[in-house]
C-alpha cells in the first residue's frame, strides 16, 4: 500500500473523528444553555404565579369592593 494512500486514509479518519467530537461538544453546550434558560423561565413563572395570587386576593377582598362602590358613588354624586 503506497504511503500517500495511507496518509489520505489516516487524515480522513482522524478528521472525521475530530469533527464528530466537536459536534458532540457543541450539542452539549447548547443543551446546557437550554437547561439554564428553562430553569430561569420556571423561576419567573413561579414568581408571576405568586403575584397573580396576591392580586386575586386583593380584588376578591370585600374591602376592595367597598372602596370601589364608594368611589363610584362619589363620581355620580
PDB file of N, CA and C in Angstrom:
ATOM      1  N   UNK A   1       0.861  -1.180   0.000  1.00  0.00           N
ATOM      2  CA  UNK A   1       0.000   0.000   0.000  1.00  0.00           C
ATOM      3  C   UNK A   1       0.903   1.238   0.000  1.00  0.00           C
ATOM      4  N   UNK A   2       0.713   2.120  -0.960  1.00  0.00           N
ATOM      5  CA  UNK A   2       1.550   3.323  -1.028  1.00  0.00           C
ATOM      6  C   UNK A   2       1.316   4.223   0.193  1.00  0.00           C
ATOM      7  N   UNK A   3       2.334   4.915   0.563  1.00  0.00           N
ATOM      8  CA  UNK A   3       2.288   5.787   1.740  1.00  0.00           C
ATOM      9  C   UNK A   3       1.292   6.929   1.562  1.00  0.00           C
ATOM     10  N   UNK A   4       1.100   7.415   0.342  1.00  0.00           N
ATOM     11  CA  UNK A   4       0.161   8.530   0.103  1.00  0.00           C
ATOM     12  C   UNK A   4      -1.280   8.091   0.361  1.00  0.00           C
ATOM     13  N   UNK A   5      -1.634   6.879   0.006  1.00  0.00           N
ATOM     14  CA  UNK A   5      -2.978   6.367   0.246  1.00  0.00           C
ATOM     15  C   UNK A   5      -3.201   6.216   1.745  1.00  0.00           C
ATOM     16  N   UNK A   6      -2.195   5.690   2.430  1.00  0.00           N
ATOM     17  CA  UNK A   6      -2.274   5.520   3.872  1.00  0.00           C
ATOM     18  C   UNK A   6      -2.425   6.882   4.564  1.00  0.00           C
ATOM     19  N   UNK A   7      -1.727   7.873   4.105  1.00  0.00           N
ATOM     20  CA  UNK A   7      -1.810   9.221   4.672  1.00  0.00           C
ATOM     21  C   UNK A   7      -3.210   9.803   4.466  1.00  0.00           C
ATOM     22  N   UNK A   8      -3.747   9.640   3.280  1.00  0.00           N
ATOM     23  CA  UNK A   8      -5.085  10.157   2.976  1.00  0.00           C
ATOM     24  C   UNK A   8      -6.126   9.476   3.861  1.00  0.00           C
ATOM     25  N   UNK A   9      -6.027   8.182   4.028  1.00  0.00           N
ATOM     26  CA  UNK A   9      -6.970   7.442   4.856  1.00  0.00           C
ATOM     27  C   UNK A   9      -6.866   7.897   6.308  1.00  0.00           C
ATOM     28  N   UNK A  10      -5.660   8.001   6.832  1.00  0.00           N
ATOM     29  CA  UNK A  10      -5.458   8.432   8.224  1.00  0.00           C
ATOM     30  C   UNK A  10      -5.985   9.848   8.457  1.00  0.00           C
ATOM     31  N   UNK A  11      -5.695  10.747   7.542  1.00  0.00           N
ATOM     32  CA  UNK A  11      -6.167  12.127   7.684  1.00  0.00           C
ATOM     33  C   UNK A  11      -7.689  12.165   7.646  1.00  0.00           C
ATOM     34  N   UNK A  12      -8.291  11.390   6.769  1.00  0.00           N
ATOM     35  CA  UNK A  12      -9.748  11.360   6.665  1.00  0.00           C
ATOM     36  C   UNK A  12     -10.384  10.807   7.939  1.00  0.00           C
ATOM     37  N   UNK A  13      -9.846   9.712   8.449  1.00  0.00           N
ATOM     38  CA  UNK A  13     -10.405   9.094   9.658  1.00  0.00           C
ATOM     39  C   UNK A  13     -10.226  10.018  10.864  1.00  0.00           C
ATOM     40  N   UNK A  14      -9.043  10.551  11.035  1.00  0.00           N
ATOM     41  CA  UNK A  14      -8.785  11.447  12.174  1.00  0.00           C
ATOM     42  C   UNK A  14      -9.634  12.713  12.054  1.00  0.00           C
ATOM     43  N   UNK A  15      -9.745  13.249  10.854  1.00  0.00           N
ATOM     44  CA  UNK A  15     -10.582  14.435  10.643  1.00  0.00           C
ATOM     45  C   UNK A  15     -12.043  14.150  10.970  1.00  0.00           C
ATOM     46  N   UNK A  16     -12.536  13.001  10.563  1.00  0.00           N
ATOM     47  CA  UNK A  16     -13.919  12.616  10.858  1.00  0.00           C
ATOM     48  C   UNK A  16     -14.155  12.471  12.346  1.00  0.00           C
ATOM     49  N   UNK A  17     -13.191  11.857  13.040  1.00  0.00           N
ATOM     50  CA  UNK A  17     -13.320  11.700  14.496  1.00  0.00           C
ATOM     51  C   UNK A  17     -13.291  13.056  15.208  1.00  0.00           C
ATOM     52  N   UNK A  18     -12.421  13.927  14.775  1.00  0.00           N
ATOM     53  CA  UNK A  18     -12.340  15.259  15.377  1.00  0.00           C
ATOM     54  C   UNK A  18     -13.628  16.046  15.138  1.00  0.00           C
ATOM     55  N   UNK A  19     -14.169  15.940  13.951  1.00  0.00           N
ATOM     56  CA  UNK A  19     -15.415  16.637  13.640  1.00  0.00           C
ATOM     57  C   UNK A  19     -16.573  16.100  14.482  1.00  0.00           C
ATOM     58  N   UNK A  20     -16.640  14.778  14.639  1.00  0.00           N
ATOM     59  CA  UNK A  20     -17.701  14.170  15.450  1.00  0.00           C
ATOM     60  C   UNK A  20     -17.579  14.610  16.906  1.00  0.00           C
ATOM     61  N   UNK A  21     -16.360  14.673  17.425  1.00  0.00           N
ATOM     62  CA  UNK A  21     -16.147  15.114  18.806  1.00  0.00           C
ATOM     63  C   UNK A  21     -16.563  16.576  18.960  1.00  0.00           C
ATOM     64  N   UNK A  22     -16.202  17.404  17.986  1.00  0.00           N
ATOM     65  CA  UNK A  22     -16.591  18.818  18.038  1.00  0.00           C
ATOM     66  C   UNK A  22     -18.105  18.970  17.990  1.00  0.00           C
ATOM     67  N   UNK A  23     -18.763  18.192  17.158  1.00  0.00           N
ATOM     68  CA  UNK A  23     -20.211  18.230  17.032  1.00  0.00           C
ATOM     69  C   UNK A  23     -20.879  17.874  18.371  1.00  0.00           C
ATOM     70  N   UNK A  24     -20.369  16.848  19.040  1.00  0.00           N
ATOM     71  CA  UNK A  24     -20.908  16.452  20.344  1.00  0.00           C
ATOM     72  C   UNK A  24     -20.689  17.556  21.383  1.00  0.00           C
ATOM     73  N   UNK A  25     -19.545  18.199  21.327  1.00  0.00           N
ATOM     74  CA  UNK A  25     -19.241  19.305  22.245  1.00  0.00           C
ATOM     75  C   UNK A  25     -20.234  20.457  22.053  1.00  0.00           C
ATOM     76  N   UNK A  26     -20.505  20.794  20.822  1.00  0.00           N
ATOM     77  CA  UNK A  26     -21.443  21.878  20.526  1.00  0.00           C
ATOM     78  C   UNK A  26     -22.853  21.508  21.007  1.00  0.00           C
ATOM     79  N   UNK A  27     -23.278  20.281  20.775  1.00  0.00           N
ATOM     80  CA  UNK A  27     -24.599  19.841  21.228  1.00  0.00           C
ATOM     81  C   UNK A  27     -24.706  19.905  22.748  1.00  0.00           C
ATOM     82  N   UNK A  28     -23.646  19.529  23.443  1.00  0.00           N
ATOM     83  CA  UNK A  28     -23.638  19.581  24.906  1.00  0.00           C
ATOM     84  C   UNK A  28     -23.750  21.016  25.402  1.00  0.00           C
ATOM     85  N   UNK A  29     -23.038  21.923  24.758  1.00  0.00           N
ATOM     86  CA  UNK A  29     -23.106  23.331  25.151  1.00  0.00           C
ATOM     87  C   UNK A  29     -24.508  23.899  24.934  1.00  0.00           C
ATOM     88  N   UNK A  30     -25.129  23.559  23.828  1.00  0.00           N
ATOM     89  CA  UNK A  30     -26.484  24.025  23.533  1.00  0.00           C
ATOM     90  C   UNK A  30     -27.461  23.465  24.559  1.00  0.00           C
ATOM     91  N   UNK A  31     -27.291  22.207  24.898  1.00  0.00           N
ATOM     92  CA  UNK A  31     -28.163  21.568  25.882  1.00  0.00           C
ATOM     93  C   UNK A  31     -28.038  22.240  27.247  1.00  0.00           C
ATOM     94  N   UNK A  32     -26.818  22.537  27.675  1.00  0.00           N
ATOM     95  CA  UNK A  32     -26.607  23.219  28.961  1.00  0.00           C
ATOM     96  C   UNK A  32     -27.261  24.598  28.945  1.00  0.00           C
ATOM     97  N   UNK A  33     -27.116  25.313  27.837  1.00  0.00           N
ATOM     98  CA  UNK A  33     -27.694  26.647  27.721  1.00  0.00           C
ATOM     99  C   UNK A  33     -29.214  26.584  27.796  1.00  0.00           C
ATOM    100  N   UNK A  34     -29.822  25.610  27.112  1.00  0.00           N
ATOM    101  CA  UNK A  34     -31.273  25.458  27.128  1.00  0.00           C
ATOM    102  C   UNK A  34     -31.769  25.111  28.526  1.00  0.00           C
ATOM    103  N   UNK A  35     -31.038  24.253  29.246  1.00  0.00           N
ATOM    104  CA  UNK A  35     -31.430  23.885  30.601  1.00  0.00           C
ATOM    105  C   UNK A  35     -31.396  25.086  31.524  1.00  0.00           C
ATOM    106  N   UNK A  36     -30.401  25.944  31.354  1.00  0.00           N
ATOM    107  CA  UNK A  36     -30.295  27.144  32.188  1.00  0.00           C
ATOM    108  C   UNK A  36     -31.459  28.084  31.884  1.00  0.00           C
ATOM    109  N   UNK A  37     -31.793  28.253  30.616  1.00  0.00           N
ATOM    110  CA  UNK A  37     -32.903  29.119  30.249  1.00  0.00           C
ATOM    111  C   UNK A  37     -34.219  28.553  30.767  1.00  0.00           C
ATOM    112  N   UNK A  38     -34.393  27.233  30.702  1.00  0.00           N
ATOM    113  CA  UNK A  38     -35.609  26.608  31.214  1.00  0.00           C
ATOM    114  C   UNK A  38     -35.750  26.852  32.711  1.00  0.00           C
ATOM    115  N   UNK A  39     -34.646  26.758  33.423  1.00  0.00           N
ATOM    116  CA  UNK A  39     -34.664  26.980  34.866  1.00  0.00           C
ATOM    117  C   UNK A  39     -35.060  28.421  35.185  1.00  0.00           C
ATOM    118  N   UNK A  40     -34.488  29.365  34.456  1.00  0.00           N
ATOM    119  CA  UNK A  40     -34.821  30.775  34.668  1.00  0.00           C
ATOM    120  C   UNK A  40     -36.286  31.043  34.343  1.00  0.00           C
ATOM    121  N   UNK A  41     -36.789  30.431  33.285  1.00  0.00           N
ATOM    122  CA  UNK A  41     -38.183  30.601  32.903  1.00  0.00           C
ATOM    123  C   UNK A  41     -39.102  30.046  33.984  1.00  0.00           C
ATOM    124  N   UNK A  42     -38.760  28.895  34.536  1.00  0.00           N
ATOM    125  CA  UNK A  42     -39.569  28.298  35.597  1.00  0.00           C
ATOM    126  C   UNK A  42     -39.598  29.194  36.831  1.00  0.00           C
ATOM    127  N   UNK A  43     -38.467  29.802  37.178  1.00  0.00           N
ATOM    128  CA  UNK A  43     -38.418  30.712  38.316  1.00  0.00           C
ATOM    129  C   UNK A  43     -39.284  31.944  38.066  1.00  0.00           C
ATOM    130  N   UNK A  44     -39.225  32.487  36.866  1.00  0.00           N
ATOM    131  CA  UNK A  44     -40.036  33.652  36.536  1.00  0.00           C
ATOM    132  C   UNK A  44     -41.515  33.312  36.581  1.00  0.00           C
ATOM    133  N   UNK A  45     -41.875  32.143  36.083  1.00  0.00           N
ATOM    134  CA  UNK A  45     -43.280  31.739  36.105  1.00  0.00           C
ATOM    135  C   UNK A  45     -43.778  31.563  37.537  1.00  0.00           C
ATOM    136  N   UNK A  46     -42.954  30.999  38.402  1.00  0.00           N
ATOM    137  CA  UNK A  46     -43.344  30.824  39.800  1.00  0.00           C
ATOM    138  C   UNK A  46     -43.566  32.182  40.471  1.00  0.00           C
ATOM    139  N   UNK A  47     -42.687  33.134  40.181  1.00  0.00           N
ATOM    140  CA  UNK A  47     -42.835  34.475  40.757  1.00  0.00           C
ATOM    141  C   UNK A  47     -44.111  35.139  40.242  1.00  0.00           C
ATOM    142  N   UNK A  48     -44.403  34.978  38.964  1.00  0.00           N
ATOM    143  CA  UNK A  48     -45.620  35.568  38.394  1.00  0.00           C
ATOM    144  C   UNK A  48     -46.882  34.929  38.972  1.00  0.00           C
ATOM    145  N   UNK A  49     -46.846  33.623  39.199  1.00  0.00           N
ATOM    146  CA  UNK A  49     -47.995  32.949  39.799  1.00  0.00           C
ATOM    147  C   UNK A  49     -48.263  33.490  41.201  1.00  0.00           C
ATOM    148  N   UNK A  50     -47.199  33.717  41.966  1.00  0.00           N
ATOM    149  CA  UNK A  50     -47.364  34.283  43.307  1.00  0.00           C
ATOM    150  C   UNK A  50     -47.987  35.674  43.240  1.00  0.00           C
ATOM    151  N   UNK A  51     -47.517  36.474  42.305  1.00  0.00           N
ATOM    152  CA  UNK A  51     -48.073  37.826  42.165  1.00  0.00           C
ATOM    153  C   UNK A  51     -49.544  37.785  41.776  1.00  0.00           C
ATOM    154  N   UNK A  52     -49.905  36.866  40.892  1.00  0.00           N
ATOM    155  CA  UNK A  52     -51.302  36.735  40.471  1.00  0.00           C
ATOM    156  C   UNK A  52     -52.169  36.332  41.649  1.00  0.00           C
ATOM    157  N   UNK A  53     -51.668  35.426  42.480  1.00  0.00           N
ATOM    158  CA  UNK A  53     -52.425  35.000  43.661  1.00  0.00           C
ATOM    159  C   UNK A  53     -52.680  36.184  44.594  1.00  0.00           C
ATOM    160  N   UNK A  54     -51.670  37.009  44.789  1.00  0.00           N
ATOM    161  CA  UNK A  54     -51.823  38.181  45.655  1.00  0.00           C
ATOM    162  C   UNK A  54     -52.853  39.143  45.051  1.00  0.00           C
ATOM    163  N   UNK A  55     -52.762  39.370  43.762  1.00  0.00           N
ATOM    164  CA  UNK A  55     -53.723  40.268  43.104  1.00  0.00           C
ATOM    165  C   UNK A  55     -55.144  39.720  43.188  1.00  0.00           C
ATOM    166  N   UNK A  56     -55.304  38.415  43.038  1.00  0.00           N
ATOM    167  CA  UNK A  56     -56.634  37.820  43.147  1.00  0.00           C
ATOM    168  C   UNK A  56     -57.193  38.003  44.552  1.00  0.00           C
ATOM    169  N   UNK A  57     -56.349  37.863  45.566  1.00  0.00           N
ATOM    170  CA  UNK A  57     -56.800  38.067  46.944  1.00  0.00           C
ATOM    171  C   UNK A  57     -57.247  39.508  47.163  1.00  0.00           C
ATOM    172  N   UNK A  58     -56.491  40.440  46.604  1.00  0.00           N
ATOM    173  CA  UNK A  58     -56.840  41.858  46.770  1.00  0.00           C
ATOM    174  C   UNK A  58     -58.167  42.161  46.082  1.00  0.00           C
ATOM    175  N   UNK A  59     -58.342  41.698  44.884  1.00  0.00           N
ATOM    176  CA  UNK A  59     -59.536  42.021  44.100  1.00  0.00           C
ATOM    177  C   UNK A  59     -60.774  41.356  44.684  1.00  0.00           C
ATOM    178  N   UNK A  60     -60.634  40.165  45.215  1.00  0.00           N
ATOM    179  CA  UNK A  60     -61.797  39.473  45.771  1.00  0.00           C
ATOM    180  C   UNK A  60     -62.071  39.841  47.219  1.00  0.00           C
ATOM    181  N   UNK A  61     -61.235  40.669  47.803  1.00  0.00           N
ATOM    182  CA  UNK A  61     -61.430  41.090  49.188  1.00  0.00           C
ATOM    183  C   UNK A  61     -62.656  42.005  49.275  1.00  0.00           C
ATOM    184  N   UNK A  62     -63.447  41.837  50.324  1.00  0.00           N
ATOM    185  CA  UNK A  62     -64.667  42.637  50.488  1.00  0.00           C
ATOM    186  C   UNK A  62     -64.364  44.126  50.628  1.00  0.00           C
ATOM    187  N   UNK A  63     -63.284  44.479  51.296  1.00  0.00           N
ATOM    188  CA  UNK A  63     -62.962  45.899  51.465  1.00  0.00           C
ATOM    189  C   UNK A  63     -62.633  46.550  50.120  1.00  0.00           C
ATOM    190  N   UNK A  64     -62.064  45.782  49.192  1.00  0.00           N
ATOM    191  CA  UNK A  64     -61.769  46.313  47.862  1.00  0.00           C
ATOM    192  C   UNK A  64     -63.072  46.666  47.150  1.00  0.00           C
ATOM    193  N   UNK A  65     -64.065  45.795  47.226  1.00  0.00           N
ATOM    194  CA  UNK A  65     -65.356  46.055  46.604  1.00  0.00           C
ATOM    195  C   UNK A  65     -66.033  47.261  47.235  1.00  0.00           C
ATOM    196  N   UNK A  66     -65.900  47.403  48.543  1.00  0.00           N
ATOM    197  CA  UNK A  66     -66.496  48.536  49.247  1.00  0.00           C
ATOM    198  C   UNK A  66     -65.864  49.841  48.770  1.00  0.00           C
ATOM    199  N   UNK A  67     -64.555  49.867  48.650  1.00  0.00           N
ATOM    200  CA  UNK A  67     -63.871  51.061  48.164  1.00  0.00           C
ATOM    201  C   UNK A  67     -64.334  51.406  46.754  1.00  0.00           C
ATOM    202  N   UNK A  68     -64.519  50.393  45.947  1.00  0.00           N
ATOM    203  CA  UNK A  68     -64.954  50.595  44.568  1.00  0.00           C
ATOM    204  C   UNK A  68     -66.360  51.220  44.533  1.00  0.00           C
ATOM    205  N   UNK A  69     -67.239  50.710  45.384  1.00  0.00           N
ATOM    206  CA  UNK A  69     -68.598  51.238  45.437  1.00  0.00           C
ATOM    207  C   UNK A  69     -68.602  52.685  45.941  1.00  0.00           C
ATOM    208  N   UNK A  70     -67.790  52.980  46.950  1.00  0.00           N
ATOM    209  CA  UNK A  70     -67.714  54.349  47.474  1.00  0.00           C
ATOM    210  C   UNK A  70     -67.187  55.285  46.402  1.00  0.00           C
ATOM    211  N   UNK A  71     -66.166  54.865  45.681  1.00  0.00           N
ATOM    212  CA  UNK A  71     -65.629  55.697  44.613  1.00  0.00           C
ATOM    213  C   UNK A  71     -66.656  55.930  43.516  1.00  0.00           C
ATOM    214  N   UNK A  72     -67.442  54.917  43.169  1.00  0.00           N
ATOM    215  CA  UNK A  72     -68.449  55.094  42.131  1.00  0.00           C
ATOM    216  C   UNK A  72     -69.558  56.034  42.607  1.00  0.00           C
ATOM    217  N   UNK A  73     -69.887  55.995  43.911  1.00  0.00           N
ATOM    218  CA  UNK A  73     -70.900  56.922  44.446  1.00  0.00           C
ATOM    219  C   UNK A  73     -70.373  58.358  44.433  1.00  0.00           C
ATOM    220  N   UNK A  74     -69.099  58.543  44.706  1.00  0.00           N
ATOM    221  CA  UNK A  74     -68.511  59.887  44.689  1.00  0.00           C
ATOM    222  C   UNK A  74     -68.548  60.466  43.276  1.00  0.00           C
ATOM    223  N   UNK A  75     -68.308  59.624  42.289  1.00  0.00           N
ATOM    224  CA  UNK A  75     -68.284  60.082  40.894  1.00  0.00           C
ATOM    225  C   UNK A  75     -69.684  60.479  40.428  1.00  0.00           C
ATOM    226  N   UNK A  76     -70.693  59.742  40.853  1.00  0.00           N
ATOM    227  CA  UNK A  76     -72.059  60.055  40.407  1.00  0.00           C
ATOM    228  C   UNK A  76     -72.691  61.153  41.235  1.00  0.00           C
ATOM    229  N   UNK A  77     -72.223  61.356  42.450  1.00  0.00           N
ATOM    230  CA  UNK A  77     -72.826  62.337  43.378  1.00  0.00           C
ATOM    231  C   UNK A  77     -72.248  63.656  43.217  1.00  0.00           C
TER     232      UNK A  77
END
